[in-house]
């Protein structure tokens, strides 16, 4: 069961917080354009698989039917059963589909497509270089922090010199009447 490299990658994605599972979370990930690959179990319901395929098409990501059942897929990601899931990280999605393509050559074209997207995203990140130190902004915390005024001894004494005695004629410690004269 967990010896399957595809299921191990999906479990890793779940632990990394990069896996949306269940119909609602998959729909949300696809509508927000965060999903990179949508997968369904082989015994998923017809309407569930149809909806997942529709969500994947709307998000312009590949939709795959895995050669495992719902219980096996659910056990791999730490749930009782799972019919559909979506990987939201391009590297993890590409790695999972590459392992799937190694088992079954029918997934080779999807694997190549995701591998190209992975290379394109890594090139896009490599183009940016950090700004020189002289042009970097100060941190938000340093910019917002205002210097605190120092409290002097005179200020502290004036705070206590304005105290008034209690208004009632009863001492608060031993509850006896106190004369004010």
Protein backbone atom coordinates (compact mmCIF):
# COMPACT_ATOMS: atom_id res chain seq x y z
CA UNK A 1 0.00 0.00 0.00
CA UNK A 2 2.47 2.69 1.14
CA UNK A 3 5.25 1.13 -0.95
CA UNK A 4 3.73 2.86 -3.96
CA UNK A 5 5.91 5.92 -4.73
CA UNK A 6 2.92 7.92 -6.00
CA UNK A 7 1.06 7.46 -2.73
CA UNK A 8 4.19 8.36 -0.77
CA UNK A 9 4.46 11.62 -2.73
CA UNK A 10 0.80 12.42 -2.04
CA UNK A 11 1.37 11.72 1.67
CA UNK A 12 4.37 14.04 1.60
CA UNK A 13 2.28 16.73 -0.11
CA UNK A 14 -0.38 16.33 2.59
CA UNK A 15 2.17 16.71 5.40
CA UNK A 16 3.64 19.76 3.64
CA UNK A 17 0.20 21.36 3.41
CA UNK A 18 0.25 21.26 -0.40
CA UNK A 19 -2.65 18.85 -0.92
CA UNK A 20 -6.33 19.72 -1.14
CA UNK A 21 -8.55 16.67 -0.64
CA UNK A 22 -12.28 16.25 -0.89
CA UNK A 23 -14.69 17.82 -3.35
CA UNK A 24 -15.00 21.24 -1.67
CA UNK A 25 -11.29 21.83 -1.09
CA UNK A 26 -10.42 20.67 -4.62
CA UNK A 27 -13.04 23.01 -6.06
CA UNK A 28 -11.69 25.89 -3.97
CA UNK A 29 -8.07 25.20 -5.00
CA UNK A 30 -9.05 25.04 -8.68
CA UNK A 31 -11.18 28.19 -8.61
CA UNK A 32 -8.37 30.12 -6.89
CA UNK A 33 -5.93 28.79 -9.56
CA UNK A 34 -3.77 27.16 -6.88
CA UNK A 35 -4.17 23.56 -8.05
CA UNK A 36 -1.40 22.11 -10.23
CA UNK A 37 -2.81 18.63 -10.76
CA UNK A 38 -6.17 17.05 -9.88
CA UNK A 39 -6.34 13.31 -9.18
CA UNK A 40 -9.25 10.96 -8.60
CA UNK A 41 -9.40 7.42 -7.25
CA UNK A 42 -10.34 4.66 -9.67
CA UNK A 43 -13.58 3.88 -7.80
CA UNK A 44 -14.68 7.51 -7.33
CA UNK A 45 -18.32 8.17 -8.09
CA UNK A 46 -19.23 9.21 -11.60
CA UNK A 47 -20.54 12.63 -10.61
CA UNK A 48 -17.55 13.26 -8.33
CA UNK A 49 -15.07 12.40 -11.08
CA UNK A 50 -17.03 14.52 -13.55
CA UNK A 51 -16.98 17.52 -11.22
CA UNK A 52 -13.26 17.09 -10.52
CA UNK A 53 -12.55 16.93 -14.27
CA UNK A 54 -14.60 20.10 -14.77
CA UNK A 55 -12.71 21.90 -11.99
CA UNK A 56 -9.37 20.81 -13.50
CA UNK A 57 -10.45 22.02 -16.93
CA UNK A 58 -11.48 25.40 -15.53
CA UNK A 59 -8.11 25.73 -13.75
CA UNK A 60 -6.26 24.54 -16.88
CA UNK A 61 -4.49 21.72 -15.01
CA UNK A 62 -4.27 18.00 -15.82
CA UNK A 63 -6.85 15.57 -14.44
CA UNK A 64 -5.69 12.02 -13.70
CA UNK A 65 -7.47 8.88 -12.57
CA UNK A 66 -5.15 7.01 -10.20
CA UNK A 67 -4.95 3.20 -10.30
CA UNK A 68 -5.89 2.97 -6.60
CA UNK A 69 -9.20 2.86 -4.78
CA UNK A 70 -10.61 5.46 -2.37
CA UNK A 71 -9.57 3.59 0.78
CA UNK A 72 -5.95 3.23 -0.36
CA UNK A 73 -5.76 6.88 -1.42
CA UNK A 74 -7.30 7.97 1.87
CA UNK A 75 -4.89 5.84 3.89
CA UNK A 76 -1.94 7.37 2.02
CA UNK A 77 -2.95 10.90 2.95
CA UNK A 78 -4.11 10.09 6.47
CA UNK A 79 -7.87 10.04 5.96
CA UNK A 80 -10.47 7.28 6.06
CA UNK A 81 -11.28 7.56 2.39
CA UNK A 82 -10.64 10.10 -0.33
CA UNK A 83 -12.09 10.18 -3.83
CA UNK A 84 -10.40 13.32 -5.23
CA UNK A 85 -7.37 15.41 -4.37
CA UNK A 86 -5.42 18.29 -5.88
CA UNK A 87 -1.71 18.97 -5.45
CA UNK A 88 -1.04 22.72 -5.11
CA UNK A 89 2.75 22.65 -5.50
CA UNK A 90 4.16 22.27 -9.02
CA UNK A 91 7.28 20.40 -7.89
CA UNK A 92 5.35 17.84 -5.84
CA UNK A 93 2.75 17.42 -8.60
CA UNK A 94 5.46 16.87 -11.20
CA UNK A 95 7.30 14.36 -8.98
CA UNK A 96 4.10 12.38 -8.28
CA UNK A 97 3.13 12.24 -11.96
CA UNK A 98 6.69 11.25 -12.96
CA UNK A 99 6.47 8.32 -10.57
CA UNK A 100 3.07 7.45 -11.99
CA UNK A 101 4.47 7.61 -15.55
CA UNK A 102 7.29 5.26 -14.53
CA UNK A 103 4.64 2.69 -13.56
CA UNK A 104 2.29 3.27 -16.51
CA UNK A 105 3.39 4.84 -19.81
CA UNK A 106 -0.11 6.27 -20.36
CA UNK A 107 0.78 9.15 -18.04
CA UNK A 108 3.99 10.11 -19.90
CA UNK A 109 2.49 13.09 -21.78
CA UNK A 110 1.06 14.59 -18.58
CA UNK A 111 4.40 14.03 -16.86
CA UNK A 112 6.22 15.87 -19.65
CA UNK A 113 3.71 18.73 -19.49
CA UNK A 114 4.18 19.15 -15.72
CA UNK A 115 7.96 18.83 -16.01
CA UNK A 116 7.94 21.72 -18.52
CA UNK A 117 5.83 23.83 -16.18
CA UNK A 118 8.27 23.06 -13.37
CA UNK A 119 11.24 24.17 -15.49
CA UNK A 120 9.41 27.34 -16.52
CA UNK A 121 8.55 28.23 -12.93
CA UNK A 122 12.13 27.65 -11.75
CA UNK A 123 13.47 29.88 -14.56
CA UNK A 124 11.02 32.63 -13.63
CA UNK A 125 12.27 32.62 -10.04
CA UNK A 126 15.91 32.66 -11.12
CA UNK A 127 15.56 35.89 -13.10
CA UNK A 128 15.06 38.03 -10.02
CA UNK A 129 18.03 38.98 -7.95
CA UNK A 130 17.86 40.59 -4.53
CA UNK A 131 18.14 44.36 -4.35
CA UNK A 132 21.41 45.81 -3.13
CA UNK A 133 21.52 46.51 0.59
CA UNK A 134 21.48 50.24 0.04
CA UNK A 135 18.13 50.02 -1.77
CA UNK A 136 16.35 47.61 0.57
CA UNK A 137 13.56 48.94 2.71
CA UNK A 138 13.75 48.85 6.43
CA UNK A 139 11.71 46.18 8.06
CA UNK A 140 8.12 47.06 8.83
CA UNK A 141 8.65 46.65 12.56
CA UNK A 142 11.64 49.00 12.61
CA UNK A 143 9.77 51.59 10.55
CA UNK A 144 6.70 51.55 12.80
CA UNK A 145 8.47 51.56 16.15
CA UNK A 146 8.61 55.06 17.60
CA UNK A 147 11.19 55.95 20.24
CA UNK A 148 9.76 55.64 23.75
CA UNK A 149 9.96 58.59 26.09
CA UNK A 150 12.14 57.98 29.12
CA UNK A 151 10.47 58.20 32.50
CA UNK A 152 12.37 60.37 34.91
CA UNK A 153 12.38 60.19 38.67
CA UNK A 154 10.51 63.49 38.89
CA UNK A 155 7.80 62.13 36.60
CA UNK A 156 7.40 59.00 38.74
CA UNK A 157 7.18 61.04 41.96
CA UNK A 158 4.56 63.38 40.53
CA UNK A 159 2.38 60.40 39.62
CA UNK A 160 2.24 59.32 43.28
CA UNK A 161 2.05 62.76 44.87
CA UNK A 162 -1.47 63.36 43.56
CA UNK A 163 -3.00 60.46 45.48
CA UNK A 164 -6.01 61.22 47.63
CA UNK A 165 -6.84 59.42 50.89
CA UNK A 166 -9.85 57.10 50.80
CA UNK A 167 -13.19 58.90 50.86
CA UNK A 168 -14.87 56.67 53.40
CA UNK A 169 -14.12 57.00 57.12
CA UNK A 170 -13.10 53.30 57.46
CA UNK A 171 -9.55 52.01 57.34
CA UNK A 172 -9.30 49.38 54.62
CA UNK A 173 -6.88 47.14 56.48
CA UNK A 174 -8.50 46.65 59.86
CA UNK A 175 -11.97 48.06 59.17
CA UNK A 176 -11.89 50.56 62.03
CA UNK A 177 -13.16 54.09 61.78
CA UNK A 178 -10.49 56.65 61.01
CA UNK A 179 -10.68 60.28 61.98
CA UNK A 180 -9.56 62.78 59.43
CA UNK A 181 -8.32 65.34 61.95
